[in-house]
Amino acid sequence: MVEEIRPDAPERHVAIPATALSKERFDNPLFANMIMLGALTRIAGMDLEAMRKAMLEVIPRFHEQNLKALDLGYTLDEAIKAA
């Protein structure tokens, strides 16, 4: 959804097609945020299992889809290359 890259820091941008992947894989754009969270978890070097646990504690429903979306984002080539 980002259309403009900050010219002062283009290296800080990682293109993640979260909305398109969410529609393609889950038939719903709702899970784009979890795809992004998974990618951010990888790029920032955060603990995936801790993120999974926190997500399950905070989000009251759609656990199966959210976990799959989180894992999808974490394993995207774009996120791996940027990590």
C-alpha atoms as a PDB file:
ATOM      1  CA  MET A   1       0.000   0.000   0.000  1.00  0.00           C
ATOM      2  CA  VAL A   2       3.043   2.257   0.324  1.00  0.00           C
ATOM      3  CA  GLU A   3       3.390   4.179  -2.881  1.00  0.00           C
ATOM      4  CA  GLU A   4       6.244   6.524  -2.087  1.00  0.00           C
ATOM      5  CA  ILE A   5       9.692   5.676  -0.772  1.00  0.00           C
ATOM      6  CA  ARG A   6      11.454   8.258   1.360  1.00  0.00           C
ATOM      7  CA  PRO A   7      14.285   9.551  -0.805  1.00  0.00           C
ATOM      8  CA  ASP A   8      16.517  10.076   2.240  1.00  0.00           C
ATOM      9  CA  ALA A   9      16.500   6.382   3.239  1.00  0.00           C
ATOM     10  CA  PRO A  10      15.572   4.058   0.347  1.00  0.00           C
ATOM     11  CA  GLU A  11      17.699   1.242   1.789  1.00  0.00           C
ATOM     12  CA  ARG A  12      15.378   1.075   4.788  1.00  0.00           C
ATOM     13  CA  HIS A  13      12.420   0.015   2.646  1.00  0.00           C
ATOM     14  CA  VAL A  14      11.598  -3.627   2.026  1.00  0.00           C
ATOM     15  CA  ALA A  15       8.797  -4.318  -0.434  1.00  0.00           C
ATOM     16  CA  ILE A  16       6.464  -6.952   1.006  1.00  0.00           C
ATOM     17  CA  PRO A  17       3.364  -7.729  -1.098  1.00  0.00           C
ATOM     18  CA  ALA A  18       1.324  -8.390   2.036  1.00  0.00           C
ATOM     19  CA  THR A  19      -2.112  -7.399   0.768  1.00  0.00           C
ATOM     20  CA  ALA A  20      -1.757  -9.365  -2.459  1.00  0.00           C
ATOM     21  CA  LEU A  21      -0.464 -12.420  -0.595  1.00  0.00           C
ATOM     22  CA  SER A  22      -3.246 -12.166   1.957  1.00  0.00           C
ATOM     23  CA  LYS A  23      -5.877 -12.115  -0.766  1.00  0.00           C
ATOM     24  CA  GLU A  24      -4.153 -14.922  -2.670  1.00  0.00           C
ATOM     25  CA  ARG A  25      -3.460 -17.271   0.243  1.00  0.00           C
ATOM     26  CA  PHE A  26      -6.337 -16.485   2.603  1.00  0.00           C
ATOM     27  CA  ASP A  27      -8.914 -14.994   0.245  1.00  0.00           C
ATOM     28  CA  ASN A  28      -9.051 -12.058   2.634  1.00  0.00           C
ATOM     29  CA  PRO A  29      -6.933  -8.889   2.972  1.00  0.00           C
ATOM     30  CA  LEU A  30      -7.432  -9.034   6.752  1.00  0.00           C
ATOM     31  CA  PHE A  31      -4.284 -11.100   7.262  1.00  0.00           C
ATOM     32  CA  ALA A  32      -1.894  -8.677   5.536  1.00  0.00           C
ATOM     33  CA  ASN A  33      -0.972  -7.216   8.918  1.00  0.00           C
ATOM     34  CA  MET A  34       0.176 -10.622  10.181  1.00  0.00           C
ATOM     35  CA  ILE A  35       2.214 -11.174   7.026  1.00  0.00           C
ATOM     36  CA  MET A  36       3.887  -7.820   7.675  1.00  0.00           C
ATOM     37  CA  LEU A  37       4.447  -8.708  11.323  1.00  0.00           C
ATOM     38  CA  GLY A  38       6.113 -11.952  10.294  1.00  0.00           C
ATOM     39  CA  ALA A  39       8.388 -10.132   7.851  1.00  0.00           C
ATOM     40  CA  LEU A  40       9.232  -7.510  10.471  1.00  0.00           C
ATOM     41  CA  THR A  41       9.982 -10.243  13.006  1.00  0.00           C
ATOM     42  CA  ARG A  42      12.536 -11.754  10.591  1.00  0.00           C
ATOM     43  CA  ILE A  43      14.055  -8.454   9.486  1.00  0.00           C
ATOM     44  CA  ALA A  44      14.400  -7.104  13.027  1.00  0.00           C
ATOM     45  CA  GLY A  45      15.821 -10.371  14.343  1.00  0.00           C
ATOM     46  CA  MET A  46      13.051 -10.876  16.867  1.00  0.00           C
ATOM     47  CA  ASP A  47      12.156 -14.259  18.329  1.00  0.00           C
ATOM     48  CA  LEU A  48       9.506 -15.930  16.166  1.00  0.00           C
ATOM     49  CA  GLU A  49       8.206 -18.213  18.914  1.00  0.00           C
ATOM     50  CA  ALA A  50       7.815 -15.278  21.300  1.00  0.00           C
ATOM     51  CA  MET A  51       5.923 -13.375  18.595  1.00  0.00           C
ATOM     52  CA  ARG A  52       3.664 -16.373  17.944  1.00  0.00           C
ATOM     53  CA  LYS A  53       2.906 -16.696  21.662  1.00  0.00           C
ATOM     54  CA  ALA A  54       2.213 -12.978  22.064  1.00  0.00           C
ATOM     55  CA  MET A  55      -0.052 -12.950  19.017  1.00  0.00           C
ATOM     56  CA  LEU A  56      -2.100 -15.844  20.405  1.00  0.00           C
ATOM     57  CA  GLU A  57      -2.480 -14.038  23.728  1.00  0.00           C
ATOM     58  CA  VAL A  58      -3.488 -10.695  22.221  1.00  0.00           C
ATOM     59  CA  ILE A  59      -5.656 -11.606  19.232  1.00  0.00           C
ATOM     60  CA  PRO A  60      -8.901 -13.311  20.263  1.00  0.00           C
ATOM     61  CA  ARG A  61      -9.773 -15.151  17.021  1.00  0.00           C
ATOM     62  CA  PHE A  62      -8.565 -16.455  13.671  1.00  0.00           C
ATOM     63  CA  HIS A  63      -5.581 -18.082  15.407  1.00  0.00           C
ATOM     64  CA  GLU A  64      -4.920 -20.655  12.694  1.00  0.00           C
ATOM     65  CA  GLN A  65      -4.979 -18.131   9.852  1.00  0.00           C
ATOM     66  CA  ASN A  66      -2.968 -15.561  11.812  1.00  0.00           C
ATOM     67  CA  LEU A  67      -0.265 -18.109  12.635  1.00  0.00           C
ATOM     68  CA  LYS A  68      -0.053 -19.162   8.992  1.00  0.00           C
ATOM     69  CA  ALA A  69       0.144 -15.526   7.875  1.00  0.00           C
ATOM     70  CA  LEU A  70       2.827 -14.753  10.469  1.00  0.00           C
ATOM     71  CA  ASP A  71       4.871 -17.732   9.294  1.00  0.00           C
ATOM     72  CA  LEU A  72       4.365 -16.760   5.668  1.00  0.00           C
ATOM     73  CA  GLY A  73       5.747 -13.288   6.277  1.00  0.00           C
ATOM     74  CA  TYR A  74       8.662 -14.679   8.255  1.00  0.00           C
ATOM     75  CA  THR A  75       9.659 -17.012   5.422  1.00  0.00           C
ATOM     76  CA  LEU A  76       9.281 -14.601   2.512  1.00  0.00           C
ATOM     77  CA  ASP A  77      12.414 -14.254   0.383  1.00  0.00           C
ATOM     78  CA  GLU A  78      12.185 -10.461   0.688  1.00  0.00           C
ATOM     79  CA  ALA A  79      12.321 -10.673   4.482  1.00  0.00           C
ATOM     80  CA  ILE A  80      15.125 -13.227   4.498  1.00  0.00           C
ATOM     81  CA  LYS A  81      17.269 -11.106   2.154  1.00  0.00           C
ATOM     82  CA  ALA A  82      16.665  -7.964   4.217  1.00  0.00           C
ATOM     83  CA  ALA A  83      17.496  -9.626   7.554  1.00  0.00           C
END
